[in-house]
C-alpha atoms as a PDB file:
ATOM      1  CA  GLN A   1     -14.914 -28.118 -47.879  1.00  0.00           C
ATOM      2  CA  VAL A   2     -16.073 -28.822 -44.339  1.00  0.00           C
ATOM      3  CA  GLN A   3     -14.201 -30.927 -41.790  1.00  0.00           C
ATOM      4  CA  LEU A   4     -15.976 -32.489 -38.824  1.00  0.00           C
ATOM      5  CA  VAL A   5     -14.494 -33.999 -35.674  1.00  0.00           C
ATOM      6  CA  GLU A   6     -16.639 -35.766 -33.087  1.00  0.00           C
ATOM      7  CA  SER A   7     -15.804 -36.244 -29.430  1.00  0.00           C
ATOM      8  CA  GLY A   8     -17.483 -37.279 -26.206  1.00  0.00           C
ATOM      9  CA  GLY A   9     -18.209 -40.938 -26.810  1.00  0.00           C
ATOM     10  CA  GLY A  10     -17.375 -43.632 -24.305  1.00  0.00           C
ATOM     11  CA  LEU A  11     -18.648 -46.408 -22.087  1.00  0.00           C
ATOM     12  CA  VAL A  12     -21.559 -45.669 -19.785  1.00  0.00           C
ATOM     13  CA  GLN A  13     -24.014 -47.705 -17.739  1.00  0.00           C
ATOM     14  CA  ALA A  14     -27.674 -47.839 -18.666  1.00  0.00           C
ATOM     15  CA  GLY A  15     -29.466 -44.780 -17.353  1.00  0.00           C
ATOM     16  CA  GLY A  16     -26.366 -42.641 -17.658  1.00  0.00           C
ATOM     17  CA  SER A  17     -25.642 -39.614 -19.804  1.00  0.00           C
ATOM     18  CA  LEU A  18     -23.130 -38.514 -22.409  1.00  0.00           C
ATOM     19  CA  ARG A  19     -22.677 -35.342 -24.406  1.00  0.00           C
ATOM     20  CA  LEU A  20     -21.327 -35.624 -27.903  1.00  0.00           C
ATOM     21  CA  SER A  21     -19.638 -32.666 -29.549  1.00  0.00           C
ATOM     22  CA  CYS A  22     -18.947 -32.003 -33.204  1.00  0.00           C
ATOM     23  CA  ALA A  23     -16.394 -29.381 -34.151  1.00  0.00           C
ATOM     24  CA  ALA A  24     -16.726 -28.037 -37.666  1.00  0.00           C
ATOM     25  CA  SER A  25     -14.113 -26.171 -39.641  1.00  0.00           C
ATOM     26  CA  GLY A  26     -13.725 -24.950 -43.180  1.00  0.00           C
ATOM     27  CA  SER A  27     -16.384 -23.225 -45.278  1.00  0.00           C
ATOM     28  CA  MET A  28     -19.296 -22.782 -42.911  1.00  0.00           C
ATOM     29  CA  PHE A  29     -21.493 -20.446 -44.922  1.00  0.00           C
ATOM     30  CA  SER A  30     -24.809 -21.756 -46.298  1.00  0.00           C
ATOM     31  CA  ILE A  31     -25.106 -24.642 -43.834  1.00  0.00           C
ATOM     32  CA  ASN A  32     -28.669 -26.009 -44.075  1.00  0.00           C
ATOM     33  CA  THR A  33     -28.794 -28.712 -41.451  1.00  0.00           C
ATOM     34  CA  GLY A  34     -26.631 -30.360 -38.800  1.00  0.00           C
ATOM     35  CA  GLY A  35     -27.301 -33.808 -37.506  1.00  0.00           C
ATOM     36  CA  TRP A  36     -26.232 -36.903 -35.646  1.00  0.00           C
ATOM     37  CA  TYR A  37     -26.512 -40.366 -37.120  1.00  0.00           C
ATOM     38  CA  ARG A  38     -25.625 -43.727 -35.651  1.00  0.00           C
ATOM     39  CA  GLN A  39     -24.746 -47.155 -36.900  1.00  0.00           C
ATOM     40  CA  ALA A  40     -24.936 -50.207 -34.690  1.00  0.00           C
ATOM     41  CA  ALA A  41     -23.143 -53.434 -35.555  1.00  0.00           C
ATOM     42  CA  GLY A  42     -24.920 -55.211 -38.384  1.00  0.00           C
ATOM     43  CA  LYS A  43     -27.415 -52.414 -38.910  1.00  0.00           C
ATOM     44  CA  HIS A  44     -27.903 -49.550 -41.324  1.00  0.00           C
ATOM     45  CA  ARG A  45     -26.965 -46.012 -40.398  1.00  0.00           C
ATOM     46  CA  GLU A  46     -29.956 -44.089 -39.040  1.00  0.00           C
ATOM     47  CA  MET A  47     -30.679 -40.457 -38.318  1.00  0.00           C
ATOM     48  CA  VAL A  48     -30.833 -39.797 -34.582  1.00  0.00           C
ATOM     49  CA  ALA A  49     -31.384 -36.047 -34.485  1.00  0.00           C
ATOM     50  CA  SER A  50     -31.142 -33.097 -36.825  1.00  0.00           C
ATOM     51  CA  ILE A  51     -31.276 -29.345 -36.466  1.00  0.00           C
ATOM     52  CA  ARG A  52     -31.895 -26.813 -39.169  1.00  0.00           C
ATOM     53  CA  TRP A  53     -29.841 -23.669 -38.917  1.00  0.00           C
ATOM     54  CA  ASP A  54     -33.040 -21.825 -37.963  1.00  0.00           C
ATOM     55  CA  GLY A  55     -33.207 -24.056 -34.887  1.00  0.00           C
ATOM     56  CA  THR A  56     -35.923 -26.487 -35.972  1.00  0.00           C
ATOM     57  CA  THR A  57     -35.192 -29.972 -34.639  1.00  0.00           C
ATOM     58  CA  ASN A  58     -36.195 -33.495 -35.561  1.00  0.00           C
ATOM     59  CA  TYR A  59     -35.629 -36.734 -33.645  1.00  0.00           C
ATOM     60  CA  LEU A  60     -35.766 -40.469 -34.108  1.00  0.00           C
ATOM     61  CA  ASP A  61     -38.846 -41.665 -32.255  1.00  0.00           C
ATOM     62  CA  SER A  62     -36.877 -43.925 -29.906  1.00  0.00           C
ATOM     63  CA  VAL A  63     -34.753 -41.044 -28.585  1.00  0.00           C
ATOM     64  CA  LYS A  64     -37.441 -38.393 -28.197  1.00  0.00           C
ATOM     65  CA  GLY A  65     -37.489 -37.051 -24.669  1.00  0.00           C
ATOM     66  CA  ARG A  66     -34.023 -38.459 -23.949  1.00  0.00           C
ATOM     67  CA  PHE A  67     -31.718 -36.798 -26.489  1.00  0.00           C
ATOM     68  CA  THR A  68     -31.345 -33.106 -27.287  1.00  0.00           C
ATOM     69  CA  ILE A  69     -29.514 -31.664 -30.270  1.00  0.00           C
ATOM     70  CA  SER A  70     -28.191 -28.117 -30.242  1.00  0.00           C
ATOM     71  CA  ARG A  71     -25.744 -25.968 -32.166  1.00  0.00           C
ATOM     72  CA  ASP A  72     -23.558 -22.985 -31.429  1.00  0.00           C
ATOM     73  CA  ILE A  73     -23.201 -21.117 -34.691  1.00  0.00           C
ATOM     74  CA  ALA A  74     -20.547 -18.743 -33.364  1.00  0.00           C
ATOM     75  CA  LYS A  75     -18.349 -21.663 -32.291  1.00  0.00           C
ATOM     76  CA  ASN A  76     -19.157 -23.911 -35.279  1.00  0.00           C
ATOM     77  CA  MET A  77     -20.277 -26.664 -32.912  1.00  0.00           C
ATOM     78  CA  VAL A  78     -23.106 -29.188 -32.900  1.00  0.00           C
ATOM     79  CA  TYR A  79     -23.942 -31.099 -29.731  1.00  0.00           C
ATOM     80  CA  LEU A  80     -25.988 -34.128 -28.768  1.00  0.00           C
ATOM     81  CA  GLN A  81     -26.967 -34.446 -25.118  1.00  0.00           C
ATOM     82  CA  MET A  82     -27.946 -38.037 -24.431  1.00  0.00           C
ATOM     83  CA  ASN A  83     -29.744 -38.886 -21.191  1.00  0.00           C
ATOM     84  CA  SER A  84     -31.309 -42.093 -19.879  1.00  0.00           C
ATOM     85  CA  LEU A  85     -29.109 -44.126 -22.192  1.00  0.00           C
ATOM     86  CA  LYS A  86     -30.128 -47.664 -23.034  1.00  0.00           C
ATOM     87  CA  PRO A  87     -28.065 -50.626 -24.276  1.00  0.00           C
ATOM     88  CA  GLU A  88     -29.821 -50.312 -27.638  1.00  0.00           C
ATOM     89  CA  ASP A  89     -28.261 -46.856 -28.031  1.00  0.00           C
ATOM     90  CA  THR A  90     -24.877 -48.552 -28.430  1.00  0.00           C
ATOM     91  CA  ALA A  91     -23.442 -47.541 -31.805  1.00  0.00           C
ATOM     92  CA  ILE A  92     -20.906 -45.409 -33.592  1.00  0.00           C
ATOM     93  CA  TYR A  93     -22.289 -41.881 -33.722  1.00  0.00           C
ATOM     94  CA  TYR A  94     -21.497 -39.675 -36.705  1.00  0.00           C
ATOM     95  CA  CYS A  95     -21.821 -35.945 -37.085  1.00  0.00           C
ATOM     96  CA  ASN A  96     -23.267 -34.669 -40.357  1.00  0.00           C
ATOM     97  CA  LEU A  97     -23.592 -31.262 -41.980  1.00  0.00           C
ATOM     98  CA  ASP A  98     -25.568 -30.474 -45.105  1.00  0.00           C
ATOM     99  CA  ARG A  99     -24.066 -27.541 -46.949  1.00  0.00           C
ATOM    100  CA  LEU A 100     -25.311 -26.457 -50.349  1.00  0.00           C
ATOM    101  CA  GLY A 101     -26.809 -29.891 -50.925  1.00  0.00           C
ATOM    102  CA  MET A 102     -23.610 -31.773 -50.082  1.00  0.00           C
ATOM    103  CA  ASP A 103     -23.254 -34.027 -47.054  1.00  0.00           C
ATOM    104  CA  TYR A 104     -20.151 -33.909 -44.868  1.00  0.00           C
ATOM    105  CA  TRP A 105     -19.349 -36.572 -42.281  1.00  0.00           C
ATOM    106  CA  GLY A 106     -17.064 -36.990 -39.337  1.00  0.00           C
ATOM    107  CA  LYS A 107     -15.228 -40.231 -38.623  1.00  0.00           C
ATOM    108  CA  GLY A 108     -17.511 -41.134 -35.743  1.00  0.00           C
ATOM    109  CA  THR A 109     -17.295 -41.693 -32.009  1.00  0.00           C
ATOM    110  CA  LEU A 110     -18.233 -44.913 -30.238  1.00  0.00           C
ATOM    111  CA  VAL A 111     -20.955 -44.946 -27.599  1.00  0.00           C
ATOM    112  CA  SER A 112     -21.281 -48.152 -25.582  1.00  0.00           C
ATOM    113  CA  VAL A 113     -24.056 -48.569 -23.038  1.00  0.00           C
ATOM    114  CA  SER A 114     -23.811 -51.497 -20.645  1.00  0.00           C
ATOM    115  CA  SER A 115     -26.825 -53.078 -18.962  1.00  0.00           C
END
């Protein structure tokens, strides 16, 4: 089992920055991928950024150049640095880990961007 806890969400003005953190605990061996997803009100959950444990990253087109995903394997942490935030980035952000083909999710952290 893997447990995930997100932190770092909040209210920020457009153009501002936030850093989300995801603390993982439990069985951490054989992690394939870590990622951040978001779900805005009335919309489906979408992948924002992902990082393979070899460091390869992938981003949603609308956040490329603004968001950066990283992980600290020794600390069992996954981060999402979000810069130049826009109102359309407002959503609940969820941390995800893929371990041995199973998905694990945190409970989410709210990011609100005001115009």
